[in-house]
Full PDB file with SEQRES, HELIX, SHEET, SSBOND, CRYST1, ORIGX, SCALE, CONECT and MASTER records, all heavy atoms in Angstrom:
SEQRES   1 A   38  ASN TYR MET THR ALA HIS VAL TYR GLY GLN LEU VAL VAL          
SEQRES   2 A   38  HIS ASP ASP ALA ALA TRP ILE GLU ALA GLN ILE ARG ARG          
SEQRES   3 A   38  LEU ALA ASP ARG HIS GLU ALA GLY HIS GLU GLU PRO              
HELIX    1 AA1 ALA A   17  GLU A   32  1                                  16    
CRYST1    1.000    1.000    1.000  90.00  90.00  90.00 P 1           1          
ORIGX1      1.000000  0.000000  0.000000        0.00000                         
ORIGX2      0.000000  1.000000  0.000000        0.00000                         
ORIGX3      0.000000  0.000000  1.000000        0.00000                         
SCALE1      1.000000  0.000000  0.000000        0.00000                         
SCALE2      0.000000  1.000000  0.000000        0.00000                         
SCALE3      0.000000  0.000000  1.000000        0.00000                         
ATOM      1  N   ASN A   1      90.402  86.061 134.575  1.00  0.00           N  
ATOM      2  CA  ASN A   1      91.241  87.065 135.316  1.00  0.00           C  
ATOM      3  C   ASN A   1      92.081  87.831 134.330  1.00  0.00           C  
ATOM      4  O   ASN A   1      92.669  87.254 133.405  1.00  0.00           O  
ATOM      5  CB  ASN A   1      92.134  86.479 136.309  1.00  0.00           C  
ATOM      6  CG  ASN A   1      91.324  86.203 137.661  1.00  0.00           C  
ATOM      7  OD1 ASN A   1      90.208  86.413 137.686  1.00  0.00           O  
ATOM      8  ND2 ASN A   1      92.100  85.815 138.695  1.00  0.00           N  
ATOM      9  N   TYR A   2      92.186  89.152 134.463  1.00  0.00           N  
ATOM     10  CA  TYR A   2      92.960  90.018 133.551  1.00  0.00           C  
ATOM     11  C   TYR A   2      93.291  91.336 134.099  1.00  0.00           C  
ATOM     12  O   TYR A   2      92.729  91.779 135.138  1.00  0.00           O  
ATOM     13  CB  TYR A   2      92.155  90.136 132.224  1.00  0.00           C  
ATOM     14  CG  TYR A   2      90.798  90.815 132.406  1.00  0.00           C  
ATOM     15  CD1 TYR A   2      90.668  92.203 132.413  1.00  0.00           C  
ATOM     16  CD2 TYR A   2      89.605  90.020 132.567  1.00  0.00           C  
ATOM     17  CE1 TYR A   2      89.380  92.735 132.485  1.00  0.00           C  
ATOM     18  CE2 TYR A   2      88.427  90.566 132.775  1.00  0.00           C  
ATOM     19  CZ  TYR A   2      88.241  91.912 132.749  1.00  0.00           C  
ATOM     20  OH  TYR A   2      87.017  92.500 132.907  1.00  0.00           O  
ATOM     21  N   MET A   3      94.202  91.988 133.411  1.00  0.00           N  
ATOM     22  CA  MET A   3      94.532  93.344 133.714  1.00  0.00           C  
ATOM     23  C   MET A   3      94.468  94.191 132.424  1.00  0.00           C  
ATOM     24  O   MET A   3      95.048  93.773 131.412  1.00  0.00           O  
ATOM     25  CB  MET A   3      95.993  93.435 134.312  1.00  0.00           C  
ATOM     26  CG  MET A   3      96.168  92.599 135.545  1.00  0.00           C  
ATOM     27  SD  MET A   3      97.940  92.303 135.885  1.00  0.00           S  
ATOM     28  CE  MET A   3      98.400  93.863 136.414  1.00  0.00           C  
ATOM     29  N   THR A   4      93.776  95.281 132.422  1.00  0.00           N  
ATOM     30  CA  THR A   4      93.650  96.080 131.239  1.00  0.00           C  
ATOM     31  C   THR A   4      93.480  97.517 131.560  1.00  0.00           C  
ATOM     32  O   THR A   4      93.054  97.935 132.591  1.00  0.00           O  
ATOM     33  CB  THR A   4      92.442  95.620 130.375  1.00  0.00           C  
ATOM     34  OG1 THR A   4      92.531  96.228 129.043  1.00  0.00           O  
ATOM     35  CG2 THR A   4      91.130  95.910 130.998  1.00  0.00           C  
ATOM     36  N   ALA A   5      93.908  98.364 130.596  1.00  0.00           N  
ATOM     37  CA  ALA A   5      93.770  99.779 130.754  1.00  0.00           C  
ATOM     38  C   ALA A   5      93.306 100.421 129.382  1.00  0.00           C  
ATOM     39  O   ALA A   5      93.864 100.026 128.355  1.00  0.00           O  
ATOM     40  CB  ALA A   5      95.007 100.539 131.242  1.00  0.00           C  
ATOM     41  N   HIS A   6      92.260 101.266 129.396  1.00  0.00           N  
ATOM     42  CA  HIS A   6      91.826 101.938 128.214  1.00  0.00           C  
ATOM     43  C   HIS A   6      92.409 103.375 128.310  1.00  0.00           C  
ATOM     44  O   HIS A   6      92.037 104.121 129.212  1.00  0.00           O  
ATOM     45  CB  HIS A   6      90.287 101.964 128.072  1.00  0.00           C  
ATOM     46  CG  HIS A   6      89.726 100.657 127.811  1.00  0.00           C  
ATOM     47  ND1 HIS A   6      88.382 100.470 127.685  1.00  0.00           N  
ATOM     48  CD2 HIS A   6      90.288  99.409 127.576  1.00  0.00           C  
ATOM     49  CE1 HIS A   6      88.123  99.166 127.424  1.00  0.00           C  
ATOM     50  NE2 HIS A   6      89.274  98.580 127.383  1.00  0.00           N  
ATOM     51  N   VAL A   7      93.336 103.661 127.398  1.00  0.00           N  
ATOM     52  CA  VAL A   7      94.061 104.926 127.509  1.00  0.00           C  
ATOM     53  C   VAL A   7      93.473 105.853 126.426  1.00  0.00           C  
ATOM     54  O   VAL A   7      93.437 105.547 125.215  1.00  0.00           O  
ATOM     55  CB  VAL A   7      95.526 104.716 127.268  1.00  0.00           C  
ATOM     56  CG1 VAL A   7      96.298 106.073 127.345  1.00  0.00           C  
ATOM     57  CG2 VAL A   7      96.119 103.775 128.288  1.00  0.00           C  
ATOM     58  N   TYR A   8      92.930 107.019 126.785  1.00  0.00           N  
ATOM     59  CA  TYR A   8      92.323 107.944 125.831  1.00  0.00           C  
ATOM     60  C   TYR A   8      93.257 109.211 125.739  1.00  0.00           C  
ATOM     61  O   TYR A   8      93.900 109.606 126.690  1.00  0.00           O  
ATOM     62  CB  TYR A   8      90.945 108.424 126.341  1.00  0.00           C  
ATOM     63  CG  TYR A   8      90.024 107.272 126.483  1.00  0.00           C  
ATOM     64  CD1 TYR A   8      89.933 106.558 127.648  1.00  0.00           C  
ATOM     65  CD2 TYR A   8      89.116 106.987 125.424  1.00  0.00           C  
ATOM     66  CE1 TYR A   8      89.063 105.588 127.801  1.00  0.00           C  
ATOM     67  CE2 TYR A   8      88.206 105.996 125.588  1.00  0.00           C  
ATOM     68  CZ  TYR A   8      88.106 105.243 126.681  1.00  0.00           C  
ATOM     69  OH  TYR A   8      87.164 104.273 126.899  1.00  0.00           O  
ATOM     70  N   GLY A   9      93.206 109.799 124.512  1.00  0.00           N  
ATOM     71  CA  GLY A   9      94.039 111.045 124.367  1.00  0.00           C  
ATOM     72  C   GLY A   9      94.004 111.462 122.895  1.00  0.00           C  
ATOM     73  O   GLY A   9      93.384 110.803 121.970  1.00  0.00           O  
ATOM     74  N   GLN A  10      94.782 112.584 122.683  1.00  0.00           N  
ATOM     75  CA  GLN A  10      95.033 113.167 121.332  1.00  0.00           C  
ATOM     76  C   GLN A  10      96.084 112.345 120.642  1.00  0.00           C  
ATOM     77  O   GLN A  10      97.115 112.215 121.158  1.00  0.00           O  
ATOM     78  CB  GLN A  10      95.356 114.618 121.467  1.00  0.00           C  
ATOM     79  CG  GLN A  10      95.655 115.255 120.133  1.00  0.00           C  
ATOM     80  CD  GLN A  10      96.198 116.699 120.251  1.00  0.00           C  
ATOM     81  OE1 GLN A  10      96.555 117.129 121.415  1.00  0.00           O  
ATOM     82  NE2 GLN A  10      96.360 117.346 119.152  1.00  0.00           N  
ATOM     83  N   LEU A  11      95.807 112.044 119.491  1.00  0.00           N  
ATOM     84  CA  LEU A  11      96.756 111.370 118.547  1.00  0.00           C  
ATOM     85  C   LEU A  11      97.589 112.397 117.833  1.00  0.00           C  
ATOM     86  O   LEU A  11      97.078 113.260 117.148  1.00  0.00           O  
ATOM     87  CB  LEU A  11      96.095 110.491 117.527  1.00  0.00           C  
ATOM     88  CG  LEU A  11      97.091 109.714 116.586  1.00  0.00           C  
ATOM     89  CD1 LEU A  11      97.913 108.759 117.432  1.00  0.00           C  
ATOM     90  CD2 LEU A  11      96.310 108.986 115.483  1.00  0.00           C  
ATOM     91  N   VAL A  12      98.975 112.331 118.022  1.00  0.00           N  
ATOM     92  CA  VAL A  12      99.857 113.244 117.364  1.00  0.00           C  
ATOM     93  C   VAL A  12     100.757 112.374 116.485  1.00  0.00           C  
ATOM     94  O   VAL A  12     101.358 111.460 116.948  1.00  0.00           O  
ATOM     95  CB  VAL A  12     100.709 114.033 118.396  1.00  0.00           C  
ATOM     96  CG1 VAL A  12     101.666 115.064 117.740  1.00  0.00           C  
ATOM     97  CG2 VAL A  12      99.766 114.801 119.330  1.00  0.00           C  
ATOM     98  N   VAL A  13     100.932 112.876 115.257  1.00  0.00           N  
ATOM     99  CA  VAL A  13     101.801 112.134 114.319  1.00  0.00           C  
ATOM    100  C   VAL A  13     103.123 112.861 114.162  1.00  0.00           C  
ATOM    101  O   VAL A  13     103.169 114.129 114.094  1.00  0.00           O  
ATOM    102  CB  VAL A  13     101.163 112.055 112.894  1.00  0.00           C  
ATOM    103  CG1 VAL A  13     102.203 111.474 111.860  1.00  0.00           C  
ATOM    104  CG2 VAL A  13      99.836 111.293 112.962  1.00  0.00           C  
ATOM    105  N   HIS A  14     104.232 112.050 114.242  1.00  0.00           N  
ATOM    106  CA  HIS A  14     105.544 112.654 114.168  1.00  0.00           C  
ATOM    107  C   HIS A  14     106.257 112.176 112.913  1.00  0.00           C  
ATOM    108  O   HIS A  14     106.851 110.996 112.882  1.00  0.00           O  
ATOM    109  CB  HIS A  14     106.380 112.308 115.437  1.00  0.00           C  
ATOM    110  CG  HIS A  14     105.849 112.846 116.782  1.00  0.00           C  
ATOM    111  ND1 HIS A  14     106.148 114.091 117.200  1.00  0.00           N  
ATOM    112  CD2 HIS A  14     105.004 112.296 117.640  1.00  0.00           C  
ATOM    113  CE1 HIS A  14     105.561 114.291 118.326  1.00  0.00           C  
ATOM    114  NE2 HIS A  14     104.830 113.295 118.638  1.00  0.00           N  
ATOM    115  N   ASP A  15     106.243 112.923 111.900  1.00  0.00           N  
ATOM    116  CA  ASP A  15     106.874 112.542 110.655  1.00  0.00           C  
ATOM    117  C   ASP A  15     108.233 113.226 110.630  1.00  0.00           C  
ATOM    118  O   ASP A  15     108.571 114.070 109.928  1.00  0.00           O  
ATOM    119  CB  ASP A  15     106.093 112.978 109.416  1.00  0.00           C  
ATOM    120  CG  ASP A  15     106.541 112.285 108.170  1.00  0.00           C  
ATOM    121  OD1 ASP A  15     107.493 111.404 108.217  1.00  0.00           O  
ATOM    122  OD2 ASP A  15     106.012 112.573 107.131  1.00  0.00           O  
ATOM    123  N   ASP A  16     109.134 112.710 111.644  1.00  0.00           N  
ATOM    124  CA  ASP A  16     110.463 113.370 111.802  1.00  0.00           C  
ATOM    125  C   ASP A  16     111.391 112.200 112.173  1.00  0.00           C  
ATOM    126  O   ASP A  16     111.205 111.504 113.163  1.00  0.00           O  
ATOM    127  CB  ASP A  16     110.301 114.398 113.012  1.00  0.00           C  
ATOM    128  CG  ASP A  16     111.635 114.882 113.495  1.00  0.00           C  
ATOM    129  OD1 ASP A  16     112.075 115.814 112.870  1.00  0.00           O  
ATOM    130  OD2 ASP A  16     112.206 114.317 114.431  1.00  0.00           O  
ATOM    131  N   ALA A  17     112.434 112.061 111.392  1.00  0.00           N  
ATOM    132  CA  ALA A  17     113.337 110.952 111.515  1.00  0.00           C  
ATOM    133  C   ALA A  17     114.047 110.958 112.915  1.00  0.00           C  
ATOM    134  O   ALA A  17     114.193 109.879 113.488  1.00  0.00           O  
ATOM    135  CB  ALA A  17     114.381 111.033 110.420  1.00  0.00           C  
ATOM    136  N   ALA A  18     114.347 112.072 113.411  1.00  0.00           N  
ATOM    137  CA  ALA A  18     115.072 112.131 114.684  1.00  0.00           C  
ATOM    138  C   ALA A  18     114.191 111.645 115.861  1.00  0.00           C  
ATOM    139  O   ALA A  18     114.564 110.835 116.770  1.00  0.00           O  
ATOM    140  CB  ALA A  18     115.515 113.604 115.041  1.00  0.00           C  
ATOM    141  N   TRP A  19     112.922 112.029 115.788  1.00  0.00           N  
ATOM    142  CA  TRP A  19     111.885 111.611 116.837  1.00  0.00           C  
ATOM    143  C   TRP A  19     111.746 110.092 116.756  1.00  0.00           C  
ATOM    144  O   TRP A  19     111.713 109.412 117.764  1.00  0.00           O  
ATOM    145  CB  TRP A  19     110.662 112.340 116.629  1.00  0.00           C  
ATOM    146  CG  TRP A  19     109.582 112.224 117.706  1.00  0.00           C  
ATOM    147  CD1 TRP A  19     109.418 113.035 118.808  1.00  0.00           C  
ATOM    148  CD2 TRP A  19     108.708 111.147 117.954  1.00  0.00           C  
ATOM    149  NE1 TRP A  19     108.437 112.545 119.654  1.00  0.00           N  
ATOM    150  CE2 TRP A  19     107.984 111.337 119.207  1.00  0.00           C  
ATOM    151  CE3 TRP A  19     108.466 109.949 117.294  1.00  0.00           C  
ATOM    152  CZ2 TRP A  19     106.989 110.546 119.596  1.00  0.00           C  
ATOM    153  CZ3 TRP A  19     107.496 109.036 117.813  1.00  0.00           C  
ATOM    154  CH2 TRP A  19     106.807 109.273 118.910  1.00  0.00           C  
ATOM    155  N   ILE A  20     111.532 109.620 115.486  1.00  0.00           N  
ATOM    156  CA  ILE A  20     111.235 108.235 115.356  1.00  0.00           C  
ATOM    157  C   ILE A  20     112.446 107.427 115.729  1.00  0.00           C  
ATOM    158  O   ILE A  20     112.339 106.325 116.389  1.00  0.00           O  
ATOM    159  CB  ILE A  20     110.913 107.996 113.813  1.00  0.00           C  
ATOM    160  CG1 ILE A  20     109.680 108.775 113.426  1.00  0.00           C  
ATOM    161  CG2 ILE A  20     110.785 106.462 113.616  1.00  0.00           C  
ATOM    162  CD1 ILE A  20     109.431 108.750 111.928  1.00  0.00           C  
ATOM    163  N   GLU A  21     113.677 107.886 115.404  1.00  0.00           N  
ATOM    164  CA  GLU A  21     114.847 107.122 115.748  1.00  0.00           C  
ATOM    165  C   GLU A  21     115.010 106.973 117.299  1.00  0.00           C  
ATOM    166  O   GLU A  21     115.294 105.919 117.855  1.00  0.00           O  
ATOM    167  CB  GLU A  21     116.134 107.742 115.196  1.00  0.00           C  
ATOM    168  CG  GLU A  21     117.405 106.917 115.557  1.00  0.00           C  
ATOM    169  CD  GLU A  21     118.573 107.487 114.905  1.00  0.00           C  
ATOM    170  OE1 GLU A  21     118.527 108.377 114.063  1.00  0.00           O  
ATOM    171  OE2 GLU A  21     119.689 106.970 115.271  1.00  0.00           O  
ATOM    172  N   ALA A  22     114.725 108.133 117.974  1.00  0.00           N  
ATOM    173  CA  ALA A  22     114.776 108.064 119.465  1.00  0.00           C  
ATOM    174  C   ALA A  22     113.792 107.114 120.023  1.00  0.00           C  
ATOM    175  O   ALA A  22     114.072 106.377 121.018  1.00  0.00           O  
ATOM    176  CB  ALA A  22     114.600 109.518 120.004  1.00  0.00           C  
ATOM    177  N   GLN A  23     112.613 107.105 119.471  1.00  0.00           N  
ATOM    178  CA  GLN A  23     111.618 106.214 119.955  1.00  0.00           C  
ATOM    179  C   GLN A  23     111.993 104.787 119.754  1.00  0.00           C  
ATOM    180  O   GLN A  23     111.774 103.888 120.643  1.00  0.00           O  
ATOM    181  CB  GLN A  23     110.205 106.527 119.327  1.00  0.00           C  
ATOM    182  CG  GLN A  23     108.967 105.776 119.842  1.00  0.00           C  
ATOM    183  CD  GLN A  23     108.819 104.386 119.408  1.00  0.00           C  
ATOM    184  OE1 GLN A  23     109.070 104.119 118.246  1.00  0.00           O  
ATOM    185  NE2 GLN A  23     108.338 103.458 120.294  1.00  0.00           N  
ATOM    186  N   ILE A  24     112.445 104.445 118.585  1.00  0.00           N  
ATOM    187  CA  ILE A  24     112.913 103.057 118.254  1.00  0.00           C  
ATOM    188  C   ILE A  24     114.045 102.653 119.136  1.00  0.00           C  
ATOM    189  O   ILE A  24     114.046 101.484 119.654  1.00  0.00           O  
ATOM    190  CB  ILE A  24     113.229 103.007 116.767  1.00  0.00           C  
ATOM    191  CG1 ILE A  24     111.944 103.113 115.875  1.00  0.00           C  
ATOM    192  CG2 ILE A  24     113.942 101.688 116.462  1.00  0.00           C  
ATOM    193  CD1 ILE A  24     112.114 103.129 114.421  1.00  0.00           C  
ATOM    194  N   ARG A  25     114.986 103.506 119.356  1.00  0.00           N  
ATOM    195  CA  ARG A  25     116.106 103.172 120.291  1.00  0.00           C  
ATOM    196  C   ARG A  25     115.542 102.837 121.683  1.00  0.00           C  
ATOM    197  O   ARG A  25     115.982 101.879 122.362  1.00  0.00           O  
ATOM    198  CB  ARG A  25     117.036 104.308 120.390  1.00  0.00           C  
ATOM    199  CG  ARG A  25     117.960 104.483 119.104  1.00  0.00           C  
ATOM    200  CD  ARG A  25     118.952 105.620 119.183  1.00  0.00           C  
ATOM    201  NE  ARG A  25     119.815 105.721 118.045  1.00  0.00           N  
ATOM    202  CZ  ARG A  25     120.939 105.037 117.877  1.00  0.00           C  
ATOM    203  NH1 ARG A  25     121.359 104.235 118.929  1.00  0.00           N  
ATOM    204  NH2 ARG A  25     121.672 105.180 116.804  1.00  0.00           N  
ATOM    205  N   ARG A  26     114.679 103.684 122.211  1.00  0.00           N  
ATOM    206  CA  ARG A  26     114.048 103.499 123.477  1.00  0.00           C  
ATOM    207  C   ARG A  26     113.260 102.122 123.539  1.00  0.00           C  
ATOM    208  O   ARG A  26     113.503 101.366 124.523  1.00  0.00           O  
ATOM    209  CB  ARG A  26     113.092 104.601 123.791  1.00  0.00           C  
ATOM    210  CG  ARG A  26     112.459 104.518 125.186  1.00  0.00           C  
ATOM    211  CD  ARG A  26     111.726 105.864 125.509  1.00  0.00           C  
ATOM    212  NE  ARG A  26     110.986 105.687 126.679  1.00  0.00           N  
ATOM    213  CZ  ARG A  26     110.342 106.694 127.322  1.00  0.00           C  
ATOM    214  NH1 ARG A  26     110.421 107.884 126.826  1.00  0.00           N  
ATOM    215  NH2 ARG A  26     109.718 106.480 128.473  1.00  0.00           N  
ATOM    216  N   LEU A  27     112.587 101.835 122.560  1.00  0.00           N  
ATOM    217  CA  LEU A  27     111.814 100.601 122.442  1.00  0.00           C  
ATOM    218  C   LEU A  27     112.700  99.359 122.452  1.00  0.00           C  
ATOM    219  O   LEU A  27     112.535  98.417 123.233  1.00  0.00           O  
ATOM    220  CB  LEU A  27     110.824 100.633 121.255  1.00  0.00           C  
ATOM    221  CG  LEU A  27     109.963  99.422 121.039  1.00  0.00           C  
ATOM    222  CD1 LEU A  27     108.906  99.377 122.131  1.00  0.00           C  
ATOM    223  CD2 LEU A  27     109.288  99.487 119.651  1.00  0.00           C  
ATOM    224  N   ALA A  28     113.676  99.428 121.586  1.00  0.00           N  
ATOM    225  CA  ALA A  28     114.622  98.341 121.412  1.00  0.00           C  
ATOM    226  C   ALA A  28     115.474  98.116 122.665  1.00  0.00           C  
ATOM    227  O   ALA A  28     115.663  96.992 123.106  1.00  0.00           O  
ATOM    228  CB  ALA A  28     115.533  98.532 120.160  1.00  0.00           C  
ATOM    229  N   ASP A  29     115.874  99.225 123.312  1.00  0.00           N  
ATOM    230  CA  ASP A  29     116.714  99.071 124.500  1.00  0.00           C  
ATOM    231  C   ASP A  29     115.932  98.364 125.628  1.00  0.00           C  
ATOM    232  O   ASP A  29     116.559  97.510 126.378  1.00  0.00           O  
ATOM    233  CB  ASP A  29     117.170 100.433 124.994  1.00  0.00           C  
ATOM    234  CG  ASP A  29     118.250 101.023 124.087  1.00  0.00           C  
ATOM    235  OD1 ASP A  29     118.850 100.223 123.275  1.00  0.00           O  
ATOM    236  OD2 ASP A  29     118.579 102.255 124.269  1.00  0.00           O  
ATOM    237  N   ARG A  30     114.645  98.707 125.746  1.00  0.00           N  
ATOM    238  CA  ARG A  30     113.808  98.068 126.825  1.00  0.00           C  
ATOM    239  C   ARG A  30     113.722  96.563 126.598  1.00  0.00           C  
ATOM    240  O   ARG A  30     113.892  95.787 127.440  1.00  0.00           O  
ATOM    241  CB  ARG A  30     112.405  98.700 126.974  1.00  0.00           C  
ATOM    242  CG  ARG A  30     111.579  97.945 128.011  1.00  0.00           C  
ATOM    243  CD  ARG A  30     110.371  98.814 128.397  1.00  0.00           C  
ATOM    244  NE  ARG A  30     109.376  98.959 127.412  1.00  0.00           N  
ATOM    245  CZ  ARG A  30     108.279  98.139 127.371  1.00  0.00           C  
ATOM    246  NH1 ARG A  30     108.115  97.157 128.198  1.00  0.00           N  
ATOM    247  NH2 ARG A  30     107.372  98.359 126.456  1.00  0.00           N  
ATOM    248  N   HIS A  31     113.352  96.201 125.374  1.00  0.00           N  
ATOM    249  CA  HIS A  31     113.104  94.764 125.044  1.00  0.00           C  
ATOM    250  C   HIS A  31     114.364  93.912 124.898  1.00  0.00           C  
ATOM    251  O   HIS A  31     114.363  92.727 124.967  1.00  0.00           O  
ATOM    252  CB  HIS A  31     112.196  94.679 123.857  1.00  0.00           C  
ATOM    253  CG  HIS A  31     110.758  95.095 124.100  1.00  0.00           C  
ATOM    254  ND1 HIS A  31     109.882  94.390 124.826  1.00  0.00           N  
ATOM    255  CD2 HIS A  31     110.198  96.268 123.753  1.00  0.00           C  
ATOM    256  CE1 HIS A  31     108.675  95.041 124.871  1.00  0.00           C  
ATOM    257  NE2 HIS A  31     108.896  96.171 124.265  1.00  0.00           N  
ATOM    258  N   GLU A  32     115.460  94.624 124.549  1.00  0.00           N  
ATOM    259  CA  GLU A  32     116.701  93.886 124.464  1.00  0.00           C  
ATOM    260  C   GLU A  32     117.429  93.708 125.765  1.00  0.00           C  
ATOM    261  O   GLU A  32     118.413  92.971 125.802  1.00  0.00           O  
ATOM    262  CB  GLU A  32     117.650  94.598 123.432  1.00  0.00           C  
ATOM    263  CG  GLU A  32     117.256  94.536 122.023  1.00  0.00           C  
ATOM    264  CD  GLU A  32     117.378  93.179 121.364  1.00  0.00           C  
ATOM    265  OE1 GLU A  32     118.343  92.504 121.760  1.00  0.00           O  
ATOM    266  OE2 GLU A  32     116.718  92.911 120.342  1.00  0.00           O  
ATOM    267  N   ALA A  33     117.037  94.435 126.806  1.00  0.00           N  
ATOM    268  CA  ALA A  33     117.725  94.478 128.016  1.00  0.00           C  
ATOM    269  C   ALA A  33     117.975  93.130 128.651  1.00  0.00           C  
ATOM    270  O   ALA A  33     119.028  92.867 129.333  1.00  0.00           O  
ATOM    271  CB  ALA A  33     116.968  95.361 129.050  1.00  0.00           C  
ATOM    272  N   GLY A  34     117.100  92.160 128.512  1.00  0.00           N  
ATOM    273  CA  GLY A  34     117.252  90.903 129.135  1.00  0.00           C  
ATOM    274  C   GLY A  34     118.047  89.887 128.305  1.00  0.00           C  
ATOM    275  O   GLY A  34     118.260  88.702 128.750  1.00  0.00           O  
ATOM    276  N   HIS A  35     118.518  90.285 127.091  1.00  0.00           N  
ATOM    277  CA  HIS A  35     119.204  89.387 126.262  1.00  0.00           C  
ATOM    278  C   HIS A  35     120.713  89.363 126.634  1.00  0.00           C  
ATOM    279  O   HIS A  35     121.305  90.317 127.137  1.00  0.00           O  
ATOM    280  CB  HIS A  35     118.996  89.839 124.794  1.00  0.00           C  
ATOM    281  CG  HIS A  35     117.642  89.600 124.244  1.00  0.00           C  
ATOM    282  ND1 HIS A  35     117.501  88.849 123.125  1.00  0.00           N  
ATOM    283  CD2 HIS A  35     116.496  90.074 124.655  1.00  0.00           C  
ATOM    284  CE1 HIS A  35     116.100  88.749 122.865  1.00  0.00           C  
ATOM    285  NE2 HIS A  35     115.573  89.548 123.769  1.00  0.00           N  
ATOM    286  N   GLU A  36     121.317  88.156 126.403  1.00  0.00           N  
ATOM    287  CA  GLU A  36     122.683  88.082 126.751  1.00  0.00           C  
ATOM    288  C   GLU A  36     123.622  88.941 125.959  1.00  0.00           C  
ATOM    289  O   GLU A  36     124.606  89.444 126.360  1.00  0.00           O  
ATOM    290  CB  GLU A  36     123.130  86.519 126.529  1.00  0.00           C  
ATOM    291  CG  GLU A  36     124.524  86.242 127.006  1.00  0.00           C  
ATOM    292  CD  GLU A  36     124.947  84.767 126.937  1.00  0.00           C  
ATOM    293  OE1 GLU A  36     123.948  84.025 127.013  1.00  0.00           O  
ATOM    294  OE2 GLU A  36     126.107  84.424 126.849  1.00  0.00           O  
ATOM    295  N   GLU A  37     123.188  89.109 124.635  1.00  0.00           N  
ATOM    296  CA  GLU A  37     123.947  90.022 123.763  1.00  0.00           C  
ATOM    297  C   GLU A  37     122.922  91.000 123.161  1.00  0.00           C  
ATOM    298  O   GLU A  37     122.507  90.705 121.991  1.00  0.00           O  
ATOM    299  CB  GLU A  37     124.742  89.208 122.638  1.00  0.00           C  
ATOM    300  CG  GLU A  37     125.802  88.282 123.225  1.00  0.00           C  
ATOM    301  CD  GLU A  37     126.596  87.539 122.037  1.00  0.00           C  
ATOM    302  OE1 GLU A  37     126.278  87.836 120.951  1.00  0.00           O  
ATOM    303  OE2 GLU A  37     127.364  86.649 122.421  1.00  0.00           O  
ATOM    304  N   PRO A  38     122.624  91.989 123.842  1.00  0.00           N  
ATOM    305  CA  PRO A  38     121.529  92.912 123.357  1.00  0.00           C  
ATOM    306  C   PRO A  38     121.983  93.587 121.953  1.00  0.00           C  
ATOM    307  O   PRO A  38     123.100  93.998 121.722  1.00  0.00           O  
ATOM    308  CB  PRO A  38     121.484  93.954 124.432  1.00  0.00           C  
ATOM    309  CG  PRO A  38     122.147  93.391 125.578  1.00  0.00           C  
ATOM    310  CD  PRO A  38     123.196  92.447 125.126  1.00  0.00           C  
TER     311      PRO A  38                                                      
MASTER        0    0    0    1    0    0    0    6  310    1    0    3          
END                                                                             
């Protein structure tokens, strides 16, 4: 038993520090949300 999705699309590269920082903040905030001291 499993759940999967094959997602297709255009790959866009962002060599931009502001874009990358915003993405990393968003990623960290989601995964840190359940921690006692995020």
